[in-house]
């Protein structure tokens, strides 16, 4: 019995990476589309319109003031002003960020906004920004 050994040069020696690249690109597109949906704020507010410049993204403490007397510090929701102000102070004193972004509804009480600014400054905030929407953007 004799065995015939052939040298077959047509054997695939590498891996075709084109389908892998296609799948990875589809996954990247899916993540790009769904990422903004995952970053919903704690409370929905109608920000006042203003001509503004986009701020850079960095660590910050976000304070949200709604027109319906609901408040949020980052993702923690409050129904009264005093605990919310204490939450702002506690977050600034114990957290790494000293930048405060206030998202106040256009119909929110002005006094609460000034109280938040005063308490944040007293707690050591290095910067306070009031969030607005760009003029020309449609409100939803």
N, C-alpha and C. Protein backbone atom coordinates (compact mmCIF):
# COMPACT_ATOMS: atom_id res chain seq x y z
N UNK A 1 0.84 -1.15 0.00
CA UNK A 1 0.00 0.00 0.00
C UNK A 1 0.90 1.23 0.00
N UNK A 2 0.65 2.11 -0.90
CA UNK A 2 1.46 3.32 -0.98
C UNK A 2 0.58 4.55 -0.82
N UNK A 3 1.14 5.52 -0.14
CA UNK A 3 0.41 6.77 0.09
C UNK A 3 0.99 7.86 -0.79
N UNK A 4 0.08 8.59 -1.38
CA UNK A 4 0.52 9.67 -2.26
C UNK A 4 0.34 11.00 -1.51
N UNK A 5 1.42 11.72 -1.32
CA UNK A 5 1.38 13.00 -0.62
C UNK A 5 1.45 14.10 -1.66
N UNK A 6 0.46 15.00 -1.58
CA UNK A 6 0.46 16.11 -2.53
C UNK A 6 0.69 17.42 -1.78
N UNK A 7 1.43 18.28 -2.38
CA UNK A 7 1.61 19.63 -1.85
C UNK A 7 0.52 20.50 -2.43
N UNK A 8 -0.45 20.83 -1.61
CA UNK A 8 -1.56 21.63 -2.11
C UNK A 8 -1.35 23.07 -1.65
N UNK A 9 -1.06 23.94 -2.60
CA UNK A 9 -0.82 25.35 -2.29
C UNK A 9 -2.12 26.14 -2.14
N UNK A 10 -3.24 25.51 -2.37
CA UNK A 10 -4.51 26.24 -2.31
C UNK A 10 -5.12 26.23 -0.92
N UNK A 11 -4.43 25.67 0.08
CA UNK A 11 -4.95 25.67 1.44
C UNK A 11 -4.89 27.10 1.99
N UNK A 12 -6.01 27.53 2.63
CA UNK A 12 -6.06 28.88 3.18
C UNK A 12 -5.23 28.91 4.46
N UNK A 13 -4.23 29.76 4.47
CA UNK A 13 -3.34 29.82 5.63
C UNK A 13 -3.69 30.98 6.56
N UNK A 14 -4.52 31.94 6.14
CA UNK A 14 -4.85 33.10 6.97
C UNK A 14 -6.33 33.15 7.28
N UNK A 15 -6.70 34.11 8.10
CA UNK A 15 -8.09 34.30 8.47
C UNK A 15 -8.61 35.52 7.74
N UNK A 16 -9.79 35.40 7.18
CA UNK A 16 -10.42 36.52 6.49
C UNK A 16 -11.04 37.44 7.55
N UNK A 17 -10.51 38.65 7.70
CA UNK A 17 -10.96 39.56 8.75
C UNK A 17 -12.04 40.53 8.27
N UNK A 18 -12.39 40.52 7.01
CA UNK A 18 -13.41 41.45 6.49
C UNK A 18 -14.76 41.28 7.20
N UNK A 19 -15.27 40.07 7.40
CA UNK A 19 -16.54 39.96 8.14
C UNK A 19 -16.43 40.44 9.58
N UNK A 20 -15.29 40.23 10.21
CA UNK A 20 -15.08 40.70 11.57
C UNK A 20 -15.11 42.23 11.63
N UNK A 21 -14.48 42.87 10.68
CA UNK A 21 -14.48 44.33 10.61
C UNK A 21 -15.90 44.84 10.38
N UNK A 22 -16.66 44.18 9.51
CA UNK A 22 -18.04 44.59 9.26
C UNK A 22 -18.89 44.51 10.52
N UNK A 23 -18.76 43.44 11.25
CA UNK A 23 -19.53 43.28 12.49
C UNK A 23 -19.12 44.34 13.51
N UNK A 24 -17.83 44.61 13.63
CA UNK A 24 -17.35 45.63 14.58
C UNK A 24 -17.88 47.01 14.21
N UNK A 25 -17.91 47.35 12.94
CA UNK A 25 -18.42 48.65 12.52
C UNK A 25 -19.92 48.78 12.81
N UNK A 26 -20.66 47.71 12.60
CA UNK A 26 -22.09 47.73 12.93
C UNK A 26 -22.28 47.93 14.43
N UNK A 27 -21.48 47.27 15.25
CA UNK A 27 -21.58 47.45 16.70
C UNK A 27 -21.24 48.88 17.12
N UNK A 28 -20.24 49.47 16.52
CA UNK A 28 -19.87 50.86 16.82
C UNK A 28 -21.02 51.80 16.48
N UNK A 29 -21.66 51.58 15.34
CA UNK A 29 -22.80 52.42 14.94
C UNK A 29 -23.95 52.26 15.93
N UNK A 30 -24.22 51.04 16.34
CA UNK A 30 -25.30 50.81 17.31
C UNK A 30 -25.01 51.53 18.62
N UNK A 31 -23.76 51.44 19.11
CA UNK A 31 -23.41 52.13 20.35
C UNK A 31 -23.49 53.65 20.20
N UNK A 32 -23.11 54.18 19.04
CA UNK A 32 -23.18 55.62 18.84
C UNK A 32 -24.62 56.11 18.84
N UNK A 33 -25.53 55.32 18.31
CA UNK A 33 -26.94 55.72 18.26
C UNK A 33 -27.60 55.60 19.62
N UNK A 34 -27.26 54.56 20.38
CA UNK A 34 -27.94 54.34 21.66
C UNK A 34 -27.31 55.08 22.83
N UNK A 35 -26.08 55.53 22.75
CA UNK A 35 -25.41 56.20 23.87
C UNK A 35 -26.16 57.45 24.34
N UNK A 36 -26.60 58.34 23.47
CA UNK A 36 -27.33 59.52 23.96
C UNK A 36 -28.63 59.16 24.66
N UNK A 37 -29.23 58.05 24.31
CA UNK A 37 -30.49 57.65 24.95
C UNK A 37 -30.27 57.19 26.38
N UNK A 38 -29.07 56.72 26.69
CA UNK A 38 -28.78 56.21 28.01
C UNK A 38 -28.44 57.30 29.01
N UNK A 39 -28.18 58.50 28.54
CA UNK A 39 -27.79 59.59 29.43
C UNK A 39 -28.95 60.54 29.70
N UNK A 40 -30.12 59.99 29.99
CA UNK A 40 -31.28 60.83 30.32
C UNK A 40 -31.06 61.51 31.66
N UNK A 41 -31.44 62.79 31.77
CA UNK A 41 -31.29 63.48 33.05
C UNK A 41 -32.30 62.96 34.06
N UNK A 42 -32.07 63.27 35.32
CA UNK A 42 -32.96 62.82 36.39
C UNK A 42 -34.34 63.43 36.25
N UNK A 43 -34.40 64.70 35.88
CA UNK A 43 -35.67 65.40 35.68
C UNK A 43 -35.64 66.09 34.33
N UNK A 44 -36.78 66.11 33.65
CA UNK A 44 -36.89 66.83 32.37
C UNK A 44 -37.24 68.28 32.65
N UNK A 45 -36.45 69.21 32.09
CA UNK A 45 -36.72 70.63 32.28
C UNK A 45 -36.62 71.34 30.94
N UNK A 46 -37.38 72.44 30.79
CA UNK A 46 -37.27 73.30 29.62
C UNK A 46 -36.25 74.38 29.94
N UNK A 47 -35.07 74.28 29.36
CA UNK A 47 -34.03 75.26 29.62
C UNK A 47 -34.35 76.54 28.88
N UNK A 48 -33.99 77.69 29.45
CA UNK A 48 -34.21 78.95 28.73
C UNK A 48 -33.31 79.03 27.50
N UNK A 49 -33.76 79.77 26.50
CA UNK A 49 -32.98 79.92 25.27
C UNK A 49 -31.97 81.04 25.44
N UNK A 50 -30.77 80.83 24.92
CA UNK A 50 -29.72 81.84 24.98
C UNK A 50 -28.68 81.53 23.91
N UNK A 51 -27.95 82.55 23.53
CA UNK A 51 -26.83 82.33 22.62
C UNK A 51 -25.65 81.92 23.48
N UNK A 52 -25.26 80.66 23.38
CA UNK A 52 -24.24 80.14 24.27
C UNK A 52 -23.16 79.41 23.49
N UNK A 53 -22.11 79.11 24.20
CA UNK A 53 -21.02 78.33 23.65
C UNK A 53 -21.03 76.99 24.34
N UNK A 54 -20.78 75.92 23.59
CA UNK A 54 -20.75 74.58 24.18
C UNK A 54 -19.59 74.50 25.16
N UNK A 55 -19.87 73.96 26.34
CA UNK A 55 -18.84 73.78 27.35
C UNK A 55 -18.12 72.47 27.16
N UNK A 56 -16.90 72.39 27.66
CA UNK A 56 -16.16 71.14 27.55
C UNK A 56 -16.65 70.16 28.60
N UNK A 57 -16.54 68.88 28.26
CA UNK A 57 -16.99 67.83 29.17
C UNK A 57 -15.90 67.55 30.19
N UNK A 58 -16.24 67.67 31.45
CA UNK A 58 -15.35 67.28 32.53
C UNK A 58 -16.21 66.95 33.73
N UNK A 59 -15.57 66.48 34.78
CA UNK A 59 -16.34 66.14 35.98
C UNK A 59 -17.07 67.37 36.48
N UNK A 60 -18.35 67.17 36.81
CA UNK A 60 -19.14 68.30 37.28
C UNK A 60 -20.27 67.79 38.16
N UNK A 61 -20.80 68.68 38.97
CA UNK A 61 -21.98 68.41 39.78
C UNK A 61 -23.15 69.06 39.06
N UNK A 62 -24.15 68.27 38.70
CA UNK A 62 -25.30 68.79 37.97
C UNK A 62 -26.47 68.95 38.91
N UNK A 63 -26.98 70.17 39.01
CA UNK A 63 -28.15 70.47 39.84
C UNK A 63 -29.29 70.80 38.89
N UNK A 64 -30.41 70.06 39.02
CA UNK A 64 -31.57 70.26 38.16
C UNK A 64 -32.71 70.82 38.99
N UNK A 65 -33.32 71.91 38.50
CA UNK A 65 -34.44 72.55 39.18
C UNK A 65 -35.61 72.55 38.20
N UNK A 66 -36.68 71.82 38.52
CA UNK A 66 -37.83 71.78 37.62
C UNK A 66 -38.88 72.79 38.06
N UNK A 67 -39.82 73.07 37.17
CA UNK A 67 -40.89 74.02 37.49
C UNK A 67 -41.86 73.44 38.50
N UNK A 68 -41.94 72.12 38.60
CA UNK A 68 -42.89 71.46 39.49
C UNK A 68 -42.35 71.21 40.88
N UNK A 69 -41.41 72.01 41.35
CA UNK A 69 -40.84 71.89 42.70
C UNK A 69 -40.20 70.53 42.93
N UNK A 70 -39.52 70.02 41.91
CA UNK A 70 -38.70 68.82 42.07
C UNK A 70 -37.27 69.24 41.76
N UNK A 71 -36.34 68.62 42.48
CA UNK A 71 -34.94 68.99 42.35
C UNK A 71 -34.09 67.73 42.25
N UNK A 72 -32.92 67.86 41.66
CA UNK A 72 -32.00 66.72 41.57
C UNK A 72 -30.58 67.22 41.69
N UNK A 73 -29.76 66.46 42.39
CA UNK A 73 -28.32 66.70 42.45
C UNK A 73 -27.69 65.46 41.85
N UNK A 74 -27.05 65.65 40.69
CA UNK A 74 -26.59 64.54 39.85
C UNK A 74 -27.80 63.65 39.55
N UNK A 75 -27.88 62.46 40.07
CA UNK A 75 -29.01 61.58 39.79
C UNK A 75 -29.95 61.39 40.98
N UNK A 76 -29.68 62.08 42.09
CA UNK A 76 -30.50 61.93 43.30
C UNK A 76 -31.61 62.98 43.29
N UNK A 77 -32.86 62.53 43.39
CA UNK A 77 -34.02 63.41 43.30
C UNK A 77 -34.49 63.82 44.69
N UNK A 78 -34.86 65.12 44.81
CA UNK A 78 -35.37 65.69 46.06
C UNK A 78 -36.71 66.34 45.79
N UNK A 79 -37.57 66.42 46.81
CA UNK A 79 -38.86 67.10 46.67
C UNK A 79 -38.92 68.38 47.50
N UNK A 80 -37.89 68.64 48.29
CA UNK A 80 -37.85 69.86 49.10
C UNK A 80 -36.52 70.57 48.87
N UNK A 81 -36.54 71.88 49.07
CA UNK A 81 -35.36 72.70 48.78
C UNK A 81 -34.23 72.46 49.79
N UNK A 82 -34.55 72.42 51.09
CA UNK A 82 -33.51 72.31 52.11
C UNK A 82 -32.65 71.04 51.96
N UNK A 83 -33.25 69.85 51.79
CA UNK A 83 -32.40 68.67 51.60
C UNK A 83 -31.59 68.72 50.30
N UNK A 84 -32.16 69.36 49.27
CA UNK A 84 -31.43 69.49 48.00
C UNK A 84 -30.22 70.38 48.18
N UNK A 85 -30.37 71.50 48.90
CA UNK A 85 -29.24 72.39 49.14
C UNK A 85 -28.16 71.68 49.98
N UNK A 86 -28.59 70.89 50.95
CA UNK A 86 -27.63 70.11 51.74
C UNK A 86 -26.93 69.08 50.87
N UNK A 87 -27.66 68.51 49.90
CA UNK A 87 -27.07 67.55 48.97
C UNK A 87 -26.03 68.20 48.07
N UNK A 88 -26.28 69.43 47.64
CA UNK A 88 -25.30 70.17 46.83
C UNK A 88 -24.03 70.38 47.64
N UNK A 89 -24.20 70.85 48.85
CA UNK A 89 -23.05 71.12 49.71
C UNK A 89 -22.26 69.84 49.99
N UNK A 90 -22.96 68.77 50.31
CA UNK A 90 -22.30 67.49 50.62
C UNK A 90 -21.56 66.95 49.40
N UNK A 91 -22.19 67.03 48.24
CA UNK A 91 -21.55 66.53 47.01
C UNK A 91 -20.29 67.31 46.69
N UNK A 92 -20.33 68.63 46.87
CA UNK A 92 -19.15 69.45 46.58
C UNK A 92 -18.03 69.21 47.59
N UNK A 93 -18.38 69.07 48.85
CA UNK A 93 -17.35 68.89 49.87
C UNK A 93 -16.72 67.51 49.84
N UNK A 94 -17.50 66.49 49.50
CA UNK A 94 -16.99 65.12 49.54
C UNK A 94 -16.61 64.55 48.18
N UNK A 95 -16.93 65.23 47.11
CA UNK A 95 -16.64 64.72 45.77
C UNK A 95 -15.40 65.36 45.17
N UNK A 96 -14.92 64.77 44.08
CA UNK A 96 -13.72 65.31 43.43
C UNK A 96 -13.99 66.56 42.59
N UNK A 97 -15.23 66.73 42.16
CA UNK A 97 -15.54 67.83 41.25
C UNK A 97 -15.96 69.08 42.02
N UNK A 98 -15.49 70.23 41.55
CA UNK A 98 -15.86 71.51 42.15
C UNK A 98 -16.58 72.41 41.14
N UNK A 99 -16.91 71.85 39.98
CA UNK A 99 -17.62 72.59 38.93
C UNK A 99 -19.11 72.26 39.05
N UNK A 100 -19.97 73.29 39.06
CA UNK A 100 -21.41 73.09 39.20
C UNK A 100 -22.11 73.57 37.94
N UNK A 101 -22.99 72.72 37.40
CA UNK A 101 -23.84 73.08 36.27
C UNK A 101 -25.28 73.05 36.76
N UNK A 102 -25.96 74.18 36.64
CA UNK A 102 -27.35 74.28 37.09
C UNK A 102 -28.26 74.25 35.87
N UNK A 103 -29.16 73.27 35.85
CA UNK A 103 -30.16 73.15 34.79
C UNK A 103 -31.50 73.54 35.40
N UNK A 104 -31.87 74.80 35.24
CA UNK A 104 -33.11 75.30 35.83
C UNK A 104 -34.15 75.49 34.74
N UNK A 105 -35.35 74.99 34.98
CA UNK A 105 -36.46 75.16 34.06
C UNK A 105 -36.73 76.66 33.90
N UNK A 106 -37.17 77.07 32.71
CA UNK A 106 -37.46 78.48 32.46
C UNK A 106 -38.56 78.98 33.39
N UNK A 107 -39.42 78.10 33.87
CA UNK A 107 -40.53 78.48 34.76
C UNK A 107 -40.22 78.21 36.23
N UNK A 108 -39.00 77.81 36.55
CA UNK A 108 -38.63 77.49 37.94
C UNK A 108 -38.50 78.77 38.77
N UNK A 109 -38.62 78.60 40.08
CA UNK A 109 -38.53 79.73 41.00
C UNK A 109 -37.11 80.31 40.98
N UNK A 110 -37.01 81.61 40.80
CA UNK A 110 -35.72 82.29 40.72
C UNK A 110 -34.96 82.22 42.04
N UNK A 111 -35.68 82.27 43.15
CA UNK A 111 -35.04 82.25 44.46
C UNK A 111 -34.29 80.96 44.72
N UNK A 112 -34.83 79.84 44.25
CA UNK A 112 -34.16 78.56 44.45
C UNK A 112 -32.84 78.55 43.67
N UNK A 113 -32.85 79.10 42.48
CA UNK A 113 -31.64 79.19 41.67
C UNK A 113 -30.55 79.98 42.39
N UNK A 114 -30.91 81.12 42.95
CA UNK A 114 -29.91 81.93 43.66
C UNK A 114 -29.44 81.24 44.94
N UNK A 115 -30.36 80.52 45.62
CA UNK A 115 -29.96 79.77 46.81
C UNK A 115 -28.94 78.69 46.47
N UNK A 116 -29.17 77.98 45.34
CA UNK A 116 -28.23 76.94 44.91
C UNK A 116 -26.87 77.54 44.60
N UNK A 117 -26.87 78.69 43.91
CA UNK A 117 -25.60 79.34 43.56
C UNK A 117 -24.85 79.77 44.82
N UNK A 118 -25.56 80.36 45.79
CA UNK A 118 -24.92 80.80 47.02
C UNK A 118 -24.36 79.62 47.81
N UNK A 119 -25.17 78.56 47.94
CA UNK A 119 -24.73 77.39 48.73
C UNK A 119 -23.55 76.70 48.04
N UNK A 120 -23.57 76.63 46.71
CA UNK A 120 -22.47 75.99 45.98
C UNK A 120 -21.18 76.79 46.16
N UNK A 121 -21.29 78.12 46.10
CA UNK A 121 -20.11 78.96 46.28
C UNK A 121 -19.55 78.81 47.69
N UNK A 122 -20.43 78.78 48.69
CA UNK A 122 -20.00 78.61 50.08
C UNK A 122 -19.35 77.24 50.31
N UNK A 123 -19.78 76.23 49.53
CA UNK A 123 -19.24 74.87 49.69
C UNK A 123 -17.93 74.67 48.94
N UNK A 124 -17.47 75.69 48.21
CA UNK A 124 -16.17 75.60 47.56
C UNK A 124 -16.21 75.36 46.06
N UNK A 125 -17.33 75.66 45.41
CA UNK A 125 -17.41 75.48 43.96
C UNK A 125 -16.43 76.43 43.27
N UNK A 126 -15.68 75.91 42.32
CA UNK A 126 -14.72 76.74 41.58
C UNK A 126 -15.36 77.41 40.38
N UNK A 127 -16.48 76.89 39.93
CA UNK A 127 -17.18 77.47 38.80
C UNK A 127 -18.64 77.07 38.83
N UNK A 128 -19.51 78.03 38.46
CA UNK A 128 -20.95 77.77 38.40
C UNK A 128 -21.43 78.18 37.02
N UNK A 129 -22.11 77.25 36.35
CA UNK A 129 -22.63 77.50 35.01
C UNK A 129 -24.12 77.24 35.01
N UNK A 130 -24.88 78.11 34.33
CA UNK A 130 -26.31 77.89 34.16
C UNK A 130 -26.52 77.37 32.75
N UNK A 131 -27.09 76.17 32.64
CA UNK A 131 -27.30 75.54 31.33
C UNK A 131 -28.46 76.21 30.61
N UNK A 132 -28.29 76.42 29.31
CA UNK A 132 -29.34 76.96 28.45
C UNK A 132 -29.36 76.15 27.17
N UNK A 133 -30.40 76.37 26.35
CA UNK A 133 -30.46 75.76 25.04
C UNK A 133 -30.06 76.79 24.01
N UNK A 134 -29.47 76.31 22.92
CA UNK A 134 -29.06 77.20 21.85
C UNK A 134 -30.30 77.85 21.22
N UNK A 135 -30.22 79.11 20.88
CA UNK A 135 -31.32 79.77 20.16
C UNK A 135 -31.44 79.10 18.80
N UNK A 136 -32.64 78.94 18.35
CA UNK A 136 -32.86 78.32 17.05
C UNK A 136 -33.17 76.83 17.16
N UNK A 137 -32.81 76.20 18.28
CA UNK A 137 -33.17 74.79 18.47
C UNK A 137 -34.65 74.72 18.82
N UNK A 138 -35.29 73.69 18.31
CA UNK A 138 -36.71 73.51 18.62
C UNK A 138 -36.84 72.86 19.98
N UNK A 139 -37.78 73.37 20.77
CA UNK A 139 -38.07 72.75 22.05
C UNK A 139 -39.00 71.59 21.81
N UNK A 140 -38.83 70.55 22.64
CA UNK A 140 -39.71 69.39 22.50
C UNK A 140 -40.52 69.18 23.72
